[in-house]
């Protein structure tokens, strides 16, 4: 009998990214990064000029995703990332761009 696959513990983080992050392809960049790390959740622009991301996945992959967000796409400038620990819901089946 084969051992059961052990699911990595799900973690969730909410990131608020500030700087030159709207109008530079940041949401699409985040969506591509989420696919690379198998992160589920969403990304959206906020009225105050920041970008908000909710990321659910294994802790190590969420951290790698955060590092990509900190770098941003080539035309962006990330001045800061606020990180909030949130309870994972497991309700996301994909990572989507919200409008």
N, C-alpha and C. Protein backbone atom coordinates (compact mmCIF):
# COMPACT_ATOMS: atom_id res chain seq x y z
N UNK A 1 0.85 -1.18 0.00
CA UNK A 1 0.00 0.00 0.00
C UNK A 1 0.89 1.25 0.00
N UNK A 2 0.57 2.21 -0.83
CA UNK A 2 1.33 3.45 -0.93
C UNK A 2 0.96 4.40 0.19
N UNK A 3 1.94 5.14 0.69
CA UNK A 3 1.59 6.13 1.73
C UNK A 3 0.71 7.22 1.14
N UNK A 4 -0.19 7.72 1.95
CA UNK A 4 -1.10 8.79 1.51
C UNK A 4 -0.30 10.05 1.23
N UNK A 5 -0.72 10.79 0.20
CA UNK A 5 -0.10 12.07 -0.10
C UNK A 5 -0.44 13.04 1.04
N UNK A 6 0.57 13.69 1.54
CA UNK A 6 0.34 14.65 2.62
C UNK A 6 0.21 16.03 2.00
N UNK A 7 -0.93 16.65 2.24
CA UNK A 7 -1.17 18.00 1.73
C UNK A 7 -0.38 18.98 2.58
N UNK A 8 0.37 19.90 1.94
CA UNK A 8 1.06 20.91 2.74
C UNK A 8 0.05 21.81 3.44
N UNK A 9 0.41 22.27 4.62
CA UNK A 9 -0.49 23.14 5.39
C UNK A 9 -0.72 24.43 4.61
N UNK A 10 -1.98 24.79 4.48
CA UNK A 10 -2.37 25.98 3.75
C UNK A 10 -2.17 27.21 4.63
N UNK A 11 -1.58 28.24 4.05
CA UNK A 11 -1.41 29.51 4.73
C UNK A 11 -2.00 30.60 3.85
N UNK A 12 -2.33 31.73 4.44
CA UNK A 12 -2.91 32.82 3.66
C UNK A 12 -2.32 34.15 4.12
N UNK A 13 -2.08 35.02 3.15
CA UNK A 13 -1.56 36.36 3.42
C UNK A 13 -2.28 37.36 2.54
N UNK A 14 -2.50 38.53 3.09
CA UNK A 14 -3.04 39.66 2.33
C UNK A 14 -1.89 40.65 2.20
N UNK A 15 -1.59 41.04 0.97
CA UNK A 15 -0.51 41.98 0.71
C UNK A 15 -1.09 43.26 0.12
N UNK A 16 -0.62 44.40 0.63
CA UNK A 16 -0.95 45.70 0.06
C UNK A 16 0.35 46.27 -0.48
N UNK A 17 0.43 46.41 -1.79
CA UNK A 17 1.65 46.82 -2.46
C UNK A 17 1.51 48.29 -2.85
N UNK A 18 2.50 49.10 -2.46
CA UNK A 18 2.46 50.53 -2.78
C UNK A 18 3.63 50.90 -3.67
N UNK A 19 3.48 52.01 -4.36
CA UNK A 19 4.49 52.50 -5.29
C UNK A 19 3.84 52.76 -6.64
N UNK A 20 4.62 52.63 -7.69
CA UNK A 20 4.08 52.75 -9.05
C UNK A 20 3.65 51.35 -9.46
N UNK A 21 2.41 50.97 -9.08
CA UNK A 21 1.96 49.59 -9.27
C UNK A 21 0.64 49.48 -10.04
N UNK A 22 0.10 50.61 -10.48
CA UNK A 22 -1.10 50.57 -11.31
C UNK A 22 -0.74 51.11 -12.69
N UNK A 23 -1.30 50.47 -13.72
CA UNK A 23 -1.06 50.91 -15.09
C UNK A 23 0.26 50.42 -15.66
N UNK A 24 0.89 49.45 -14.97
CA UNK A 24 2.19 48.94 -15.41
C UNK A 24 2.19 47.41 -15.56
N UNK A 25 1.00 46.80 -15.59
CA UNK A 25 0.90 45.35 -15.76
C UNK A 25 1.11 44.56 -14.49
N UNK A 26 0.98 45.22 -13.33
CA UNK A 26 1.27 44.54 -12.07
C UNK A 26 0.31 43.39 -11.80
N UNK A 27 -0.97 43.57 -12.07
CA UNK A 27 -1.95 42.50 -11.79
C UNK A 27 -1.67 41.27 -12.65
N UNK A 28 -1.31 41.49 -13.91
CA UNK A 28 -1.00 40.36 -14.80
C UNK A 28 0.29 39.68 -14.38
N UNK A 29 1.25 40.48 -13.92
CA UNK A 29 2.50 39.95 -13.37
C UNK A 29 2.21 39.05 -12.16
N UNK A 30 1.33 39.53 -11.27
CA UNK A 30 0.96 38.76 -10.08
C UNK A 30 0.26 37.46 -10.47
N UNK A 31 -0.58 37.52 -11.48
CA UNK A 31 -1.28 36.32 -11.93
C UNK A 31 -0.29 35.28 -12.48
N UNK A 32 0.70 35.73 -13.25
CA UNK A 32 1.72 34.80 -13.76
C UNK A 32 2.55 34.22 -12.62
N UNK A 33 2.90 35.04 -11.65
CA UNK A 33 3.67 34.55 -10.50
C UNK A 33 2.85 33.54 -9.70
N UNK A 34 1.56 33.79 -9.57
CA UNK A 34 0.70 32.86 -8.82
C UNK A 34 0.68 31.49 -9.50
N UNK A 35 0.68 31.47 -10.82
CA UNK A 35 0.70 30.20 -11.55
C UNK A 35 2.01 29.46 -11.30
N UNK A 36 3.11 30.20 -11.26
CA UNK A 36 4.42 29.60 -11.04
C UNK A 36 4.48 28.89 -9.68
N UNK A 37 3.83 29.47 -8.68
CA UNK A 37 3.89 28.92 -7.32
C UNK A 37 2.61 28.21 -6.88
N UNK A 38 1.67 28.07 -7.80
CA UNK A 38 0.39 27.41 -7.52
C UNK A 38 -0.35 28.08 -6.35
N UNK A 39 -0.35 29.42 -6.40
CA UNK A 39 -1.04 30.22 -5.39
C UNK A 39 -2.46 30.47 -5.87
N UNK A 40 -3.38 30.43 -4.94
CA UNK A 40 -4.79 30.73 -5.25
C UNK A 40 -5.18 32.02 -4.53
N UNK A 41 -6.15 32.73 -5.08
CA UNK A 41 -6.61 33.97 -4.46
C UNK A 41 -6.97 35.00 -5.51
N UNK A 42 -6.58 36.26 -5.27
CA UNK A 42 -6.92 37.32 -6.22
C UNK A 42 -5.94 38.47 -6.11
N UNK A 43 -6.00 39.35 -7.11
CA UNK A 43 -5.27 40.61 -7.11
C UNK A 43 -6.21 41.67 -7.66
N UNK A 44 -6.13 42.88 -7.10
CA UNK A 44 -6.98 43.97 -7.61
C UNK A 44 -6.34 45.32 -7.29
N UNK A 45 -6.69 46.30 -8.12
CA UNK A 45 -6.29 47.68 -7.87
C UNK A 45 -7.19 48.27 -6.80
N UNK A 46 -6.62 49.11 -5.96
CA UNK A 46 -7.39 49.83 -4.95
C UNK A 46 -7.52 51.30 -5.37
N UNK A 47 -8.58 51.96 -4.94
CA UNK A 47 -8.78 53.37 -5.33
C UNK A 47 -7.65 54.30 -4.89
N UNK A 48 -6.89 53.93 -3.86
CA UNK A 48 -5.82 54.79 -3.36
C UNK A 48 -4.48 54.61 -4.10
N UNK A 49 -4.48 53.80 -5.17
CA UNK A 49 -3.27 53.62 -5.97
C UNK A 49 -2.46 52.39 -5.63
N UNK A 50 -2.83 51.71 -4.54
CA UNK A 50 -2.13 50.47 -4.18
C UNK A 50 -2.76 49.29 -4.91
N UNK A 51 -2.08 48.15 -4.82
CA UNK A 51 -2.61 46.88 -5.32
C UNK A 51 -2.76 45.95 -4.13
N UNK A 52 -3.89 45.25 -4.07
CA UNK A 52 -4.16 44.29 -3.00
C UNK A 52 -4.11 42.89 -3.59
N UNK A 53 -3.48 42.00 -2.85
CA UNK A 53 -3.42 40.59 -3.25
C UNK A 53 -3.76 39.73 -2.05
N UNK A 54 -4.60 38.73 -2.27
CA UNK A 54 -4.84 37.70 -1.27
C UNK A 54 -4.25 36.42 -1.84
N UNK A 55 -3.37 35.79 -1.08
CA UNK A 55 -2.66 34.61 -1.57
C UNK A 55 -2.83 33.46 -0.59
N UNK A 56 -3.27 32.30 -1.12
CA UNK A 56 -3.37 31.08 -0.32
C UNK A 56 -2.53 29.99 -0.96
N UNK A 57 -1.79 29.28 -0.13
CA UNK A 57 -0.97 28.18 -0.60
C UNK A 57 -0.04 27.72 0.50
N UNK A 58 0.86 26.80 0.19
CA UNK A 58 1.86 26.38 1.18
C UNK A 58 2.74 27.57 1.57
N UNK A 59 3.11 27.67 2.84
CA UNK A 59 3.84 28.83 3.37
C UNK A 59 5.08 29.15 2.54
N UNK A 60 5.87 28.16 2.17
CA UNK A 60 7.11 28.40 1.42
C UNK A 60 6.82 29.04 0.07
N UNK A 61 5.74 28.60 -0.58
CA UNK A 61 5.40 29.14 -1.90
C UNK A 61 4.78 30.54 -1.80
N UNK A 62 4.02 30.79 -0.74
CA UNK A 62 3.48 32.14 -0.53
C UNK A 62 4.62 33.12 -0.31
N UNK A 63 5.67 32.69 0.39
CA UNK A 63 6.83 33.56 0.62
C UNK A 63 7.56 33.85 -0.69
N UNK A 64 7.70 32.85 -1.56
CA UNK A 64 8.33 33.06 -2.86
C UNK A 64 7.49 34.02 -3.71
N UNK A 65 6.17 33.84 -3.65
CA UNK A 65 5.24 34.73 -4.36
C UNK A 65 5.43 36.17 -3.88
N UNK A 66 5.55 36.36 -2.57
CA UNK A 66 5.77 37.69 -2.00
C UNK A 66 7.06 38.30 -2.54
N UNK A 67 8.10 37.50 -2.66
CA UNK A 67 9.38 38.02 -3.18
C UNK A 67 9.22 38.49 -4.63
N UNK A 68 8.44 37.77 -5.42
CA UNK A 68 8.16 38.21 -6.79
C UNK A 68 7.39 39.52 -6.79
N UNK A 69 6.40 39.63 -5.89
CA UNK A 69 5.62 40.87 -5.80
C UNK A 69 6.52 42.04 -5.44
N UNK A 70 7.48 41.81 -4.56
CA UNK A 70 8.40 42.87 -4.14
C UNK A 70 9.26 43.36 -5.30
N UNK A 71 9.58 42.46 -6.22
CA UNK A 71 10.37 42.84 -7.41
C UNK A 71 9.48 43.56 -8.42
N UNK A 72 8.26 43.04 -8.64
CA UNK A 72 7.33 43.65 -9.58
C UNK A 72 7.77 43.52 -11.02
N UNK A 73 6.89 43.89 -11.95
CA UNK A 73 7.25 43.86 -13.37
C UNK A 73 8.22 45.01 -13.70
N UNK A 74 8.79 44.98 -14.87
CA UNK A 74 9.87 45.90 -15.23
C UNK A 74 9.49 47.39 -15.17
N UNK A 75 8.26 47.74 -15.47
CA UNK A 75 7.87 49.16 -15.48
C UNK A 75 7.31 49.64 -14.15
N UNK A 76 7.29 48.77 -13.16
CA UNK A 76 6.74 49.16 -11.86
C UNK A 76 7.84 49.64 -10.93
N UNK A 77 7.43 50.20 -9.80
CA UNK A 77 8.34 50.53 -8.72
C UNK A 77 7.61 50.21 -7.42
N UNK A 78 8.08 49.20 -6.72
CA UNK A 78 7.45 48.80 -5.46
C UNK A 78 8.15 49.53 -4.33
N UNK A 79 7.40 50.38 -3.63
CA UNK A 79 7.96 51.13 -2.51
C UNK A 79 7.77 50.39 -1.18
N UNK A 80 6.75 49.55 -1.11
CA UNK A 80 6.51 48.82 0.14
C UNK A 80 5.45 47.76 -0.02
N UNK A 81 5.52 46.78 0.86
CA UNK A 81 4.49 45.74 0.93
C UNK A 81 4.08 45.58 2.38
N UNK A 82 2.80 45.81 2.64
CA UNK A 82 2.25 45.51 3.96
C UNK A 82 1.74 44.09 3.90
N UNK A 83 2.03 43.31 4.93
CA UNK A 83 1.63 41.90 4.95
C UNK A 83 0.75 41.64 6.16
N UNK A 84 -0.38 40.99 5.92
CA UNK A 84 -1.32 40.66 6.98
C UNK A 84 -1.57 39.15 6.97
N UNK A 85 -1.46 38.54 8.12
CA UNK A 85 -1.77 37.12 8.25
C UNK A 85 -3.28 37.00 8.33
N UNK A 86 -3.85 36.20 7.44
CA UNK A 86 -5.30 35.96 7.43
C UNK A 86 -5.55 34.46 7.48
N UNK A 87 -6.73 34.11 7.87
CA UNK A 87 -7.11 32.70 7.97
C UNK A 87 -7.37 32.15 6.57
N UNK A 88 -6.71 31.05 6.19
CA UNK A 88 -6.99 30.47 4.87
C UNK A 88 -8.41 29.91 4.82
N UNK A 89 -9.07 30.13 3.70
CA UNK A 89 -10.44 29.64 3.54
C UNK A 89 -10.50 28.35 2.73
N UNK A 90 -9.54 28.18 1.81
CA UNK A 90 -9.59 27.02 0.93
C UNK A 90 -10.68 27.13 -0.12
N UNK A 91 -11.32 28.30 -0.21
CA UNK A 91 -12.45 28.48 -1.13
C UNK A 91 -12.02 28.85 -2.54
N UNK A 92 -10.77 29.29 -2.72
CA UNK A 92 -10.31 29.70 -4.05
C UNK A 92 -9.85 28.49 -4.85
N UNK A 93 -10.31 28.40 -6.09
CA UNK A 93 -9.87 27.30 -6.96
C UNK A 93 -8.83 27.79 -7.97
N UNK A 94 -8.71 29.12 -8.10
CA UNK A 94 -7.76 29.72 -9.04
C UNK A 94 -7.23 31.01 -8.43
N UNK A 95 -6.40 31.70 -9.21
CA UNK A 95 -5.97 33.04 -8.85
C UNK A 95 -6.54 33.95 -9.91
N UNK A 96 -7.31 34.93 -9.51
CA UNK A 96 -8.01 35.76 -10.51
C UNK A 96 -7.67 37.24 -10.34
N UNK A 97 -7.81 37.95 -11.45
CA UNK A 97 -7.69 39.39 -11.44
C UNK A 97 -9.09 39.96 -11.24
N UNK A 98 -9.26 40.72 -10.18
CA UNK A 98 -10.56 41.36 -9.92
C UNK A 98 -10.50 42.79 -10.43
N UNK A 99 -11.60 43.28 -10.92
CA UNK A 99 -11.65 44.62 -11.44
C UNK A 99 -12.36 45.55 -10.48
